[in-house]
Amino acid sequence: MAKKDARASAYKVVSENRKARFSYAIGETWEAGIALTGTEVKSLRAGRASLADAYASPKGNEIYLLNAHIPEYAQGNRYNHEPKRPRKLLLHRREIGKLSGAVERAGMTLVPLRIYFNEQGRAKVEVGLGKGKKAHDKRDAAADRDWARNQARIMKHGARD
């Protein structure tokens, strides 16, 4: 148990997509590297990025992260990057084939869940394969969450009549 806790604190989460698990039913997840420029890495190390509208999409034999916003680095001057440029995800060929097939055949979506630096200091993206939830599924999830919160409150304070 202690080993898992030590590993969890060994990496620094830069950005997390909180709405992803609410909007999508996430199945499997993969860890992918990202092809970045120097100013993008410096901006990520400063803790600045947004995955709010981001998604991943297959293009040929590669997968790209689209719409992820990594702001320009303040001291980057003319070497700065474009904030919303497409970024190549680094995955094994077999993983790319599996993900591409799921997106094209099954209508699934590749959703970036978070960007972080691993133990070696490399920028990684956790990508989940998800299916979009309908409005009634989201309402059910919210109702279940509210009920769990109320149940915990009742158990903590006891039933006062």
Foldseek 3Di string as FASTA:
>chain_A
DVVVVVQVVLKFFLEFAPCDVLFWVFDDKDKWAKDDDPQLLVLSVVSDWYQDPWFWADDPQWIWIFQIARDWRPPCPPVTDDGGDIITIHDDSVVSVVLNCCCVPVVWTWGWGTWMAGNVRGIITMITTTDGDDPVVSVVVVVVVVVVVVVVVCVVVPDDD
